[in-house]
Amino acid sequence: MKKIYLIRHAKSSWKEEGISDFKRSLNKRGEADLAHMAKRLKNFHILPDLIVSSPAKRAKTTAKEIANTIGFKKSNIAYQDRLYESSYDTYRYLLDSLDDKLNSIFIVAHNPTITQVGEVLSGAILTNMPTCSIVCIEFDTQSFKDIKNGEGKILFFDYPKKHDIA
């Protein structure tokens, strides 16, 4: 069995004038949501074999905070430039390149592609993955290369607005 956790970065700030989209940081709500969602992963003892993240500041911050909270070495996070402004083909290439010794991975990236990937892999209608949401998809296969579109089973779809975060 293989598991893919698609994680959309936490809510970012639009207040910093003149800063590029790539360098936007998290806003206060994003920081609170991220702390809450990271604790949920820890409380459910979810620890991936690998975390792959977009190098954009908001995604990188999200990946690092999750790693820190769940006990994953931040230095082992793999940053993939192509996950910023990516396509489904980018994710497919990433999945096809994974070592089969890995069983579960976190991918921290951006909308709209992360939602599209979740829908294509699971065959479900997610419509929109909100900021800091996590969808876990399980595949009955021994190799990431053998993952077929529409054959993933969603184990959970969690996001901050499902919880009373003040």
N, C-alpha and C. Protein backbone atom coordinates (compact mmCIF):
# COMPACT_ATOMS: atom_id res chain seq x y z
N MET A 1 0.84 -1.19 0.00
CA MET A 1 0.00 0.00 0.00
C MET A 1 0.88 1.25 0.00
N LYS A 2 0.47 2.23 -0.76
CA LYS A 2 1.15 3.52 -0.80
C LYS A 2 0.15 4.60 -0.40
N LYS A 3 0.64 5.60 0.33
CA LYS A 3 -0.20 6.72 0.74
C LYS A 3 0.44 8.02 0.31
N ILE A 4 -0.41 8.89 -0.23
CA ILE A 4 0.02 10.23 -0.61
C ILE A 4 -0.83 11.22 0.19
N TYR A 5 -0.17 12.11 0.90
CA TYR A 5 -0.85 13.17 1.63
C TYR A 5 -0.62 14.47 0.84
N LEU A 6 -1.66 14.97 0.22
CA LEU A 6 -1.57 16.24 -0.49
C LEU A 6 -1.92 17.35 0.50
N ILE A 7 -1.00 18.28 0.68
CA ILE A 7 -1.17 19.34 1.67
C ILE A 7 -1.03 20.69 0.98
N ARG A 8 -2.10 21.46 1.03
CA ARG A 8 -2.01 22.81 0.48
C ARG A 8 -1.39 23.72 1.55
N HIS A 9 -0.49 24.59 1.14
CA HIS A 9 0.17 25.50 2.08
C HIS A 9 -0.86 26.29 2.88
N ALA A 10 -0.44 26.77 4.04
CA ALA A 10 -1.31 27.57 4.91
C ALA A 10 -1.55 28.95 4.29
N LYS A 11 -2.54 29.65 4.81
CA LYS A 11 -2.97 30.95 4.29
C LYS A 11 -1.83 31.96 4.32
N SER A 12 -1.64 32.63 3.18
CA SER A 12 -0.54 33.58 3.07
C SER A 12 -1.03 35.02 3.15
N SER A 13 -0.09 35.90 3.37
CA SER A 13 -0.38 37.32 3.52
C SER A 13 -0.29 38.03 2.18
N TRP A 14 -1.18 38.98 1.99
CA TRP A 14 -1.16 39.83 0.80
C TRP A 14 -0.80 41.26 1.19
N LYS A 15 -0.39 41.48 2.43
CA LYS A 15 -0.14 42.83 2.94
C LYS A 15 1.21 43.41 2.55
N GLU A 16 2.17 42.57 2.26
CA GLU A 16 3.51 43.04 1.95
C GLU A 16 3.56 43.57 0.52
N GLU A 17 3.58 44.88 0.39
CA GLU A 17 3.59 45.49 -0.94
C GLU A 17 4.92 45.23 -1.66
N GLY A 18 4.80 44.99 -2.96
CA GLY A 18 5.99 44.84 -3.79
C GLY A 18 6.70 43.51 -3.67
N ILE A 19 6.16 42.61 -2.86
CA ILE A 19 6.82 41.30 -2.71
C ILE A 19 6.26 40.34 -3.76
N SER A 20 7.11 39.51 -4.27
CA SER A 20 6.67 38.55 -5.30
C SER A 20 5.80 37.46 -4.68
N ASP A 21 4.97 36.86 -5.51
CA ASP A 21 4.11 35.76 -5.06
C ASP A 21 4.95 34.66 -4.41
N PHE A 22 6.10 34.38 -4.97
CA PHE A 22 6.98 33.31 -4.50
C PHE A 22 7.44 33.55 -3.05
N LYS A 23 7.58 34.82 -2.68
CA LYS A 23 8.15 35.17 -1.38
C LYS A 23 7.11 35.53 -0.32
N ARG A 24 5.82 35.35 -0.63
CA ARG A 24 4.78 35.69 0.35
C ARG A 24 4.87 34.79 1.57
N SER A 25 4.75 35.39 2.77
CA SER A 25 4.78 34.61 4.01
C SER A 25 3.36 34.33 4.48
N LEU A 26 3.25 33.59 5.56
CA LEU A 26 1.94 33.27 6.11
C LEU A 26 1.38 34.45 6.89
N ASN A 27 0.05 34.54 6.91
CA ASN A 27 -0.57 35.55 7.76
C ASN A 27 -0.89 34.89 9.12
N LYS A 28 -1.46 35.67 10.03
CA LYS A 28 -1.72 35.16 11.39
C LYS A 28 -2.68 33.96 11.37
N ARG A 29 -3.72 34.05 10.57
CA ARG A 29 -4.65 32.91 10.47
C ARG A 29 -3.94 31.68 9.93
N GLY A 30 -3.09 31.88 8.93
CA GLY A 30 -2.33 30.77 8.36
C GLY A 30 -1.44 30.10 9.40
N GLU A 31 -0.79 30.91 10.22
CA GLU A 31 0.07 30.37 11.28
C GLU A 31 -0.74 29.56 12.28
N ALA A 32 -1.91 30.08 12.68
CA ALA A 32 -2.76 29.37 13.65
C ALA A 32 -3.30 28.07 13.05
N ASP A 33 -3.78 28.15 11.81
CA ASP A 33 -4.30 26.96 11.13
C ASP A 33 -3.21 25.90 10.99
N LEU A 34 -2.02 26.34 10.63
CA LEU A 34 -0.90 25.41 10.43
C LEU A 34 -0.55 24.70 11.73
N ALA A 35 -0.47 25.45 12.82
CA ALA A 35 -0.16 24.83 14.12
C ALA A 35 -1.21 23.79 14.48
N HIS A 36 -2.47 24.11 14.25
CA HIS A 36 -3.56 23.18 14.55
C HIS A 36 -3.49 21.92 13.69
N MET A 37 -3.32 22.09 12.39
CA MET A 37 -3.31 20.93 11.49
C MET A 37 -2.08 20.06 11.71
N ALA A 38 -0.96 20.68 12.00
CA ALA A 38 0.26 19.91 12.29
C ALA A 38 0.07 19.07 13.56
N LYS A 39 -0.58 19.66 14.57
CA LYS A 39 -0.85 18.92 15.81
C LYS A 39 -1.80 17.75 15.55
N ARG A 40 -2.75 17.94 14.64
CA ARG A 40 -3.66 16.84 14.30
C ARG A 40 -2.88 15.68 13.69
N LEU A 41 -1.96 15.98 12.81
CA LEU A 41 -1.13 14.92 12.22
C LEU A 41 -0.34 14.20 13.32
N LYS A 42 0.23 14.97 14.22
CA LYS A 42 1.00 14.38 15.32
C LYS A 42 0.11 13.52 16.21
N ASN A 43 -1.08 14.03 16.57
CA ASN A 43 -1.98 13.29 17.45
C ASN A 43 -2.44 11.97 16.84
N PHE A 44 -2.51 11.90 15.53
CA PHE A 44 -2.90 10.67 14.85
C PHE A 44 -1.67 9.84 14.44
N HIS A 45 -0.50 10.24 14.92
CA HIS A 45 0.75 9.50 14.70
C HIS A 45 1.05 9.31 13.21
N ILE A 46 0.83 10.35 12.44
CA ILE A 46 1.10 10.29 11.00
C ILE A 46 2.49 10.84 10.75
N LEU A 47 3.36 9.98 10.27
CA LEU A 47 4.75 10.34 9.99
C LEU A 47 5.10 9.78 8.62
N PRO A 48 5.39 10.64 7.65
CA PRO A 48 5.70 10.14 6.31
C PRO A 48 7.14 9.64 6.21
N ASP A 49 7.40 8.93 5.14
CA ASP A 49 8.77 8.53 4.83
C ASP A 49 9.52 9.68 4.14
N LEU A 50 8.76 10.58 3.52
CA LEU A 50 9.36 11.70 2.79
C LEU A 50 8.38 12.87 2.74
N ILE A 51 8.93 14.07 2.85
CA ILE A 51 8.16 15.29 2.61
C ILE A 51 8.78 15.98 1.42
N VAL A 52 7.95 16.27 0.43
CA VAL A 52 8.38 17.01 -0.76
C VAL A 52 7.58 18.30 -0.77
N SER A 53 8.26 19.42 -1.01
CA SER A 53 7.58 20.72 -0.94
C SER A 53 8.00 21.63 -2.08
N SER A 54 7.07 22.49 -2.44
CA SER A 54 7.40 23.63 -3.29
C SER A 54 8.37 24.50 -2.50
N PRO A 55 9.30 25.18 -3.17
CA PRO A 55 10.22 26.05 -2.46
C PRO A 55 9.67 27.45 -2.19
N ALA A 56 8.44 27.74 -2.62
CA ALA A 56 7.85 29.04 -2.32
C ALA A 56 7.77 29.21 -0.81
N LYS A 57 7.97 30.41 -0.32
CA LYS A 57 8.09 30.66 1.12
C LYS A 57 6.92 30.10 1.92
N ARG A 58 5.68 30.30 1.47
CA ARG A 58 4.52 29.84 2.23
C ARG A 58 4.44 28.32 2.28
N ALA A 59 4.84 27.64 1.22
CA ALA A 59 4.86 26.18 1.21
C ALA A 59 6.01 25.65 2.07
N LYS A 60 7.15 26.28 1.94
CA LYS A 60 8.33 25.88 2.71
C LYS A 60 8.05 26.02 4.22
N THR A 61 7.44 27.13 4.61
CA THR A 61 7.09 27.36 6.01
C THR A 61 6.12 26.29 6.49
N THR A 62 5.13 25.97 5.67
CA THR A 62 4.16 24.94 6.00
C THR A 62 4.85 23.59 6.20
N ALA A 63 5.70 23.22 5.26
CA ALA A 63 6.41 21.93 5.34
C ALA A 63 7.29 21.86 6.59
N LYS A 64 8.02 22.93 6.86
CA LYS A 64 8.93 22.94 8.02
C LYS A 64 8.18 22.85 9.34
N GLU A 65 7.07 23.58 9.46
CA GLU A 65 6.30 23.55 10.70
C GLU A 65 5.68 22.16 10.93
N ILE A 66 5.17 21.57 9.88
CA ILE A 66 4.61 20.22 10.00
C ILE A 66 5.71 19.25 10.41
N ALA A 67 6.85 19.33 9.72
CA ALA A 67 7.98 18.44 10.03
C ALA A 67 8.40 18.59 11.49
N ASN A 68 8.55 19.83 11.94
CA ASN A 68 8.96 20.09 13.31
C ASN A 68 7.97 19.50 14.31
N THR A 69 6.69 19.66 14.04
CA THR A 69 5.65 19.19 14.97
C THR A 69 5.57 17.67 15.03
N ILE A 70 5.68 17.00 13.88
CA ILE A 70 5.51 15.55 13.87
C ILE A 70 6.80 14.78 14.11
N GLY A 71 7.93 15.49 14.18
CA GLY A 71 9.20 14.82 14.45
C GLY A 71 9.91 14.32 13.21
N PHE A 72 9.69 14.98 12.08
CA PHE A 72 10.39 14.65 10.83
C PHE A 72 11.55 15.64 10.70
N LYS A 73 12.74 15.14 10.37
CA LYS A 73 13.90 16.02 10.26
C LYS A 73 13.70 17.04 9.13
N LYS A 74 13.73 18.33 9.50
CA LYS A 74 13.53 19.38 8.50
C LYS A 74 14.59 19.33 7.40
N SER A 75 15.77 18.88 7.74
CA SER A 75 16.85 18.80 6.74
C SER A 75 16.58 17.72 5.69
N ASN A 76 15.61 16.84 5.96
CA ASN A 76 15.27 15.78 4.99
C ASN A 76 14.11 16.16 4.07
N ILE A 77 13.58 17.37 4.22
CA ILE A 77 12.53 17.83 3.30
C ILE A 77 13.16 18.05 1.92
N ALA A 78 12.52 17.51 0.90
CA ALA A 78 13.01 17.68 -0.48
C ALA A 78 12.21 18.82 -1.12
N TYR A 79 12.92 19.82 -1.60
CA TYR A 79 12.27 20.95 -2.27
C TYR A 79 12.37 20.76 -3.77
N GLN A 80 11.22 20.84 -4.43
CA GLN A 80 11.15 20.65 -5.88
C GLN A 80 10.66 21.94 -6.52
N ASP A 81 11.54 22.61 -7.25
CA ASP A 81 11.19 23.86 -7.91
C ASP A 81 9.95 23.72 -8.78
N ARG A 82 9.82 22.58 -9.41
CA ARG A 82 8.72 22.41 -10.37
C ARG A 82 7.34 22.30 -9.70
N LEU A 83 7.28 22.18 -8.37
CA LEU A 83 5.98 22.15 -7.70
C LEU A 83 5.36 23.55 -7.58
N TYR A 84 6.14 24.58 -7.85
CA TYR A 84 5.61 25.94 -7.88
C TYR A 84 5.13 26.18 -9.32
N GLU A 85 3.88 26.58 -9.47
CA GLU A 85 3.27 26.77 -10.78
C GLU A 85 3.39 25.48 -11.60
N SER A 86 2.92 24.40 -11.03
CA SER A 86 3.09 23.08 -11.63
C SER A 86 1.85 22.62 -12.40
N SER A 87 1.95 21.39 -12.87
CA SER A 87 0.84 20.76 -13.60
C SER A 87 0.69 19.33 -13.08
N TYR A 88 -0.38 18.68 -13.50
CA TYR A 88 -0.56 17.28 -13.12
C TYR A 88 0.64 16.45 -13.56
N ASP A 89 1.17 16.73 -14.73
CA ASP A 89 2.33 15.98 -15.25
C ASP A 89 3.53 16.09 -14.32
N THR A 90 3.69 17.24 -13.67
CA THR A 90 4.78 17.42 -12.71
C THR A 90 4.64 16.44 -11.54
N TYR A 91 3.42 16.32 -11.02
CA TYR A 91 3.16 15.40 -9.91
C TYR A 91 3.36 13.95 -10.37
N ARG A 92 2.91 13.65 -11.56
CA ARG A 92 3.06 12.29 -12.09
C ARG A 92 4.53 11.93 -12.21
N TYR A 93 5.33 12.87 -12.71
CA TYR A 93 6.77 12.65 -12.82
C TYR A 93 7.37 12.42 -11.43
N LEU A 94 6.95 13.23 -10.47
CA LEU A 94 7.43 13.08 -9.10
C LEU A 94 7.08 11.69 -8.55
N LEU A 95 5.83 11.29 -8.70
CA LEU A 95 5.41 9.98 -8.19
C LEU A 95 6.17 8.84 -8.87
N ASP A 96 6.33 8.95 -10.17
CA ASP A 96 7.03 7.90 -10.92
C ASP A 96 8.51 7.80 -10.56
N SER A 97 9.07 8.87 -9.99
CA SER A 97 10.49 8.87 -9.64
C SER A 97 10.76 8.43 -8.20
N LEU A 98 9.71 8.18 -7.43
CA LEU A 98 9.89 7.82 -6.02
C LEU A 98 10.40 6.39 -5.86
N ASP A 99 11.26 6.21 -4.88
CA ASP A 99 11.78 4.90 -4.52
C ASP A 99 10.65 4.07 -3.92
N ASP A 100 10.53 2.83 -4.33
CA ASP A 100 9.46 1.98 -3.83
C ASP A 100 9.65 1.55 -2.38
N LYS A 101 10.80 1.87 -1.79
CA LYS A 101 10.98 1.62 -0.36
C LYS A 101 10.12 2.57 0.47
N LEU A 102 9.76 3.70 -0.12
CA LEU A 102 8.89 4.67 0.55
C LEU A 102 7.46 4.16 0.50
N ASN A 103 6.73 4.36 1.59
CA ASN A 103 5.32 3.96 1.62
C ASN A 103 4.36 5.13 1.73
N SER A 104 4.83 6.21 2.35
CA SER A 104 3.95 7.37 2.48
C SER A 104 4.74 8.65 2.27
N ILE A 105 4.13 9.58 1.54
CA ILE A 105 4.79 10.86 1.29
C ILE A 105 3.81 12.01 1.51
N PHE A 106 4.37 13.13 1.95
CA PHE A 106 3.64 14.39 2.01
C PHE A 106 4.09 15.21 0.82
N ILE A 107 3.14 15.82 0.12
CA ILE A 107 3.47 16.79 -0.92
C ILE A 107 2.82 18.10 -0.51
N VAL A 108 3.64 19.12 -0.29
CA VAL A 108 3.15 20.44 0.14
C VAL A 108 3.27 21.39 -1.04
N ALA A 109 2.13 21.88 -1.51
CA ALA A 109 2.17 22.70 -2.71
C ALA A 109 0.95 23.61 -2.81
N HIS A 110 0.56 23.94 -4.03
CA HIS A 110 -0.36 25.04 -4.31
C HIS A 110 -1.59 24.63 -5.11
N ASN A 111 -2.64 25.44 -4.94
CA ASN A 111 -3.82 25.34 -5.79
C ASN A 111 -3.55 26.10 -7.08
N PRO A 112 -4.21 25.80 -8.15
CA PRO A 112 -5.29 24.84 -8.29
C PRO A 112 -4.80 23.41 -8.55
N THR A 113 -3.52 23.25 -8.80
CA THR A 113 -3.02 21.94 -9.23
C THR A 113 -3.17 20.88 -8.16
N ILE A 114 -2.95 21.21 -6.90
CA ILE A 114 -3.02 20.19 -5.86
C ILE A 114 -4.44 19.61 -5.76
N THR A 115 -5.45 20.46 -5.95
CA THR A 115 -6.83 19.97 -5.96
C THR A 115 -7.05 19.06 -7.17
N GLN A 116 -6.58 19.50 -8.31
CA GLN A 116 -6.73 18.70 -9.54
C GLN A 116 -6.08 17.33 -9.37
N VAL A 117 -4.89 17.29 -8.81
CA VAL A 117 -4.18 16.02 -8.61
C VAL A 117 -4.98 15.11 -7.68
N GLY A 118 -5.50 15.66 -6.59
CA GLY A 118 -6.32 14.87 -5.67
C GLY A 118 -7.53 14.28 -6.37
N GLU A 119 -8.17 15.07 -7.21
CA GLU A 119 -9.35 14.59 -7.93
C GLU A 119 -9.00 13.52 -8.95
N VAL A 120 -7.94 13.75 -9.71
CA VAL A 120 -7.55 12.78 -10.75
C VAL A 120 -7.12 11.46 -10.12
N LEU A 121 -6.33 11.51 -9.06
CA LEU A 121 -5.83 10.28 -8.45
C LEU A 121 -6.93 9.49 -7.73
N SER A 122 -7.89 10.21 -7.14
CA SER A 122 -8.93 9.52 -6.36
C SER A 122 -10.23 9.30 -7.13
N GLY A 123 -10.46 10.08 -8.16
CA GLY A 123 -11.73 10.01 -8.86
C GLY A 123 -12.85 10.73 -8.11
N ALA A 124 -12.50 11.40 -7.01
CA ALA A 124 -13.48 12.11 -6.19
C ALA A 124 -13.59 13.57 -6.64
N ILE A 125 -14.66 14.21 -6.25
CA ILE A 125 -14.82 15.63 -6.52
C ILE A 125 -14.46 16.38 -5.24
N LEU A 126 -13.31 17.02 -5.25
CA LEU A 126 -12.87 17.80 -4.09
C LEU A 126 -13.26 19.27 -4.25
N THR A 127 -13.47 19.71 -5.44
CA THR A 127 -13.82 21.07 -5.81
C THR A 127 -12.70 22.07 -5.51
N ASN A 128 -12.31 22.18 -4.26
CA ASN A 128 -11.26 23.12 -3.87
C ASN A 128 -10.66 22.66 -2.55
N MET A 129 -9.34 22.49 -2.54
CA MET A 129 -8.65 22.22 -1.28
C MET A 129 -8.36 23.56 -0.63
N PRO A 130 -8.99 23.84 0.51
CA PRO A 130 -8.73 25.12 1.18
C PRO A 130 -7.28 25.20 1.67
N THR A 131 -6.84 26.40 2.01
CA THR A 131 -5.49 26.54 2.55
C THR A 131 -5.34 25.66 3.79
N CYS A 132 -4.19 25.06 3.90
CA CYS A 132 -3.80 24.18 5.02
C CYS A 132 -4.62 22.89 5.09
N SER A 133 -5.26 22.54 3.99
CA SER A 133 -6.02 21.28 3.99
C SER A 133 -5.10 20.11 3.67
N ILE A 134 -5.55 18.94 4.07
CA ILE A 134 -4.80 17.71 3.87
C ILE A 134 -5.76 16.66 3.34
N VAL A 135 -5.41 16.05 2.23
CA VAL A 135 -6.18 14.90 1.74
C VAL A 135 -5.20 13.72 1.68
N CYS A 136 -5.60 12.62 2.29
CA CYS A 136 -4.79 11.40 2.28
C CYS A 136 -5.43 10.41 1.32
N ILE A 137 -4.64 9.96 0.35
CA ILE A 137 -5.13 9.02 -0.65
C ILE A 137 -4.27 7.76 -0.58
N GLU A 138 -4.94 6.62 -0.49
CA GLU A 138 -4.26 5.33 -0.39
C GLU A 138 -4.43 4.56 -1.69
N PHE A 139 -3.37 3.85 -2.08
CA PHE A 139 -3.37 3.06 -3.31
C PHE A 139 -2.96 1.63 -3.00
N ASP A 140 -3.69 0.70 -3.56
CA ASP A 140 -3.40 -0.72 -3.37
C ASP A 140 -2.37 -1.15 -4.41
N THR A 141 -1.13 -0.76 -4.16
CA THR A 141 -0.02 -1.07 -5.06
C THR A 141 1.28 -1.09 -4.26
N GLN A 142 2.28 -1.69 -4.82
CA GLN A 142 3.59 -1.74 -4.17
C GLN A 142 4.56 -0.72 -4.75
N SER A 143 4.14 -0.05 -5.83
CA SER A 143 5.01 0.91 -6.50
C SER A 143 4.24 2.18 -6.84
N PHE A 144 4.86 3.33 -6.58
CA PHE A 144 4.23 4.59 -6.96
C PHE A 144 4.05 4.67 -8.47
N LYS A 145 4.92 4.01 -9.22
CA LYS A 145 4.82 4.02 -10.69
C LYS A 145 3.54 3.33 -11.17
N ASP A 146 3.01 2.43 -10.37
CA ASP A 146 1.81 1.68 -10.76
C ASP A 146 0.50 2.35 -10.36
N ILE A 147 0.58 3.53 -9.75
CA ILE A 147 -0.63 4.25 -9.38
C ILE A 147 -1.40 4.62 -10.65
N LYS A 148 -2.67 4.29 -10.62
CA LYS A 148 -3.54 4.59 -11.77
C LYS A 148 -4.55 5.67 -11.37
N ASN A 149 -4.81 6.56 -12.31
CA ASN A 149 -5.78 7.63 -12.06
C ASN A 149 -7.14 7.04 -11.68
N GLY A 150 -7.75 7.65 -10.68
CA GLY A 150 -9.08 7.26 -10.25
C GLY A 150 -9.14 6.06 -9.34
N GLU A 151 -8.01 5.44 -9.06
CA GLU A 151 -8.01 4.22 -8.24
C GLU A 151 -7.63 4.44 -6.79
N GLY A 152 -7.31 5.69 -6.43
CA GLY A 152 -6.96 5.98 -5.04
C GLY A 152 -8.19 6.07 -4.17
N LYS A 153 -8.04 5.66 -2.94
CA LYS A 153 -9.13 5.71 -1.96
C LYS A 153 -8.81 6.83 -0.97
N ILE A 154 -9.71 7.80 -0.86
CA ILE A 154 -9.50 8.88 0.10
C ILE A 154 -9.75 8.35 1.51
N LEU A 155 -8.72 8.44 2.35
CA LEU A 155 -8.85 8.01 3.74
C LEU A 155 -9.37 9.15 4.61
N PHE A 156 -8.95 10.38 4.29
CA PHE A 156 -9.52 11.54 4.97
C PHE A 156 -9.23 12.80 4.18
N PHE A 157 -10.07 13.79 4.40
CA PHE A 157 -9.92 15.13 3.84
C PHE A 157 -10.19 16.08 4.98
N ASP A 158 -9.16 16.72 5.49
CA ASP A 158 -9.27 17.55 6.68
C ASP A 158 -8.78 18.96 6.37
N TYR A 159 -9.42 19.94 7.00
CA TYR A 159 -9.02 21.33 6.79
C TYR A 159 -9.46 22.15 8.00
N PRO A 160 -8.81 23.29 8.20
CA PRO A 160 -9.03 24.07 9.42
C PRO A 160 -10.48 24.45 9.70
N LYS A 161 -11.25 24.82 8.69
CA LYS A 161 -12.61 25.28 8.94
C LYS A 161 -13.54 24.17 9.42
N LYS A 162 -13.09 22.92 9.40
CA LYS A 162 -13.87 21.83 9.98
C LYS A 162 -13.80 21.85 11.50
N HIS A 163 -12.86 22.64 12.02
CA HIS A 163 -12.59 22.67 13.46
C HIS A 163 -12.80 24.08 13.98
N ASP A 164 -13.09 24.19 15.23
CA ASP A 164 -13.31 25.50 15.85
C ASP A 164 -11.97 26.08 16.30
N ILE A 165 -11.30 26.73 15.35
CA ILE A 165 -9.99 27.32 15.64
C ILE A 165 -10.21 28.81 15.90
N ALA A 166 -9.84 29.27 17.06
CA ALA A 166 -10.04 30.70 17.40
C ALA A 166 -8.80 31.49 17.13
